[in-house]
Amino acid sequence: MTAVESRPAGVVLTPSPGGHRPFGARVKAFVALTKPRIIELLLITTVPVMFLAAQSVPDMWLVFVTCVGGYLSAGGANALNMYIDRDIDAMMDRTSRRPLVTGMVSPREGLVFGLSLAVISTLWFGLLVNWLSAALALGALLFYVVVYTMILKRRTSQNIVWGGIAGCMPVFIGWSAVTNSLSWAAVILFLVMFFWTPPHYWPLSMKVREDYARVGVPMLPVVASNRVVARQIVLYSWVMVAVSLLLTPLGYTGWFYTSVALVAGGWWLWEAHGLQSRAKSGAAGAKLKEMRLFHWSITYVSLLFVAVAVDPFLR
């Protein structure tokens, strides 16, 4: 038998000064503040771009330090996001076990941890990669924390559209790490991620609509019907796929990338239109199957960027 402690939504558990917080659990809590699963996705878009920028295998030490710097920077942004959002995290089912809510990490510790990672990651990039990459990483962190978390998230249904810019920046960071410059290839891949983010996140928001409604965060599925959200998902999906095909006519990629982009993009559009059809028919709950597109969106971006990395070796 296992006893499970229950608590009302919105109650932050703060250990007493002498409360027992095991060292191992504390370490896991600080790691959780960085949101490792999200950072995995960011690194998937960083490393392949380095291969494309080098048109071969990039210096592996450079890849390593860029990935470490990217983890530190994104981890700092995520920790600061949790510090700012700890009030609403306590009232949402899917975030109610985050470290700042359970009290495994205190708000002061979370703030110091996030700020420390921000400073360390900027210096790491500047000293071991280049200062352009450092500036881009710091800009992404500030955009996510200030523009998205503090300004947009609780004020507009377009929060994830513009806030997603921070998640597009690893493309620029990966390219600049190799070349100490930017190019149209990097801009195109940045735009792919920009148009990918809303149709990636809106299906998840549809699933947890009640969570966001409870805390007053106006995600699009909270303020609009499933039919309207699905129409927006289809619109962004078509633009995303079209933009992804621009790399080849501009001479940055060849047949392999184009083939993957067409097949993966075609399957994405099939899923997006399927979601729209179900929304139009009035499907709700499990019948809407919105998470099918969410899960495919992660597979799509993984396949696309693997193709970005492999394509230079097949031309």
Foldseek 3Di string as FASTA:
>chain_A
DDDDDDDAQQAFAAADPPGDQDPVNLVVLLVVLLVVVLLVLLLLLQLLLLLLLVLHHFDVVLNVLLSVLSSLLSRLLSLLLCLLCVRLLSRFPVNVPRCCRHNSADSVRSNVSSVVSLVVSLVSCCVPFNNVLSVLSNVLSCLLNPVQRPPQFLPDQCSQLRSQLSSLSSLVSNNCSNVVDDDVVSVLSSLLSSLLRLLLCVLVCQVRVVSCVVSRGPHPVVVDAQLVSLVSSLVSLVVSLVSQQVCVVVPSFDDQLNVLSVVLSVVLNVVSVLLNVCRVVVDDDVSSVSCVSNVSSSVSSSSNSVSSNCGSVVD
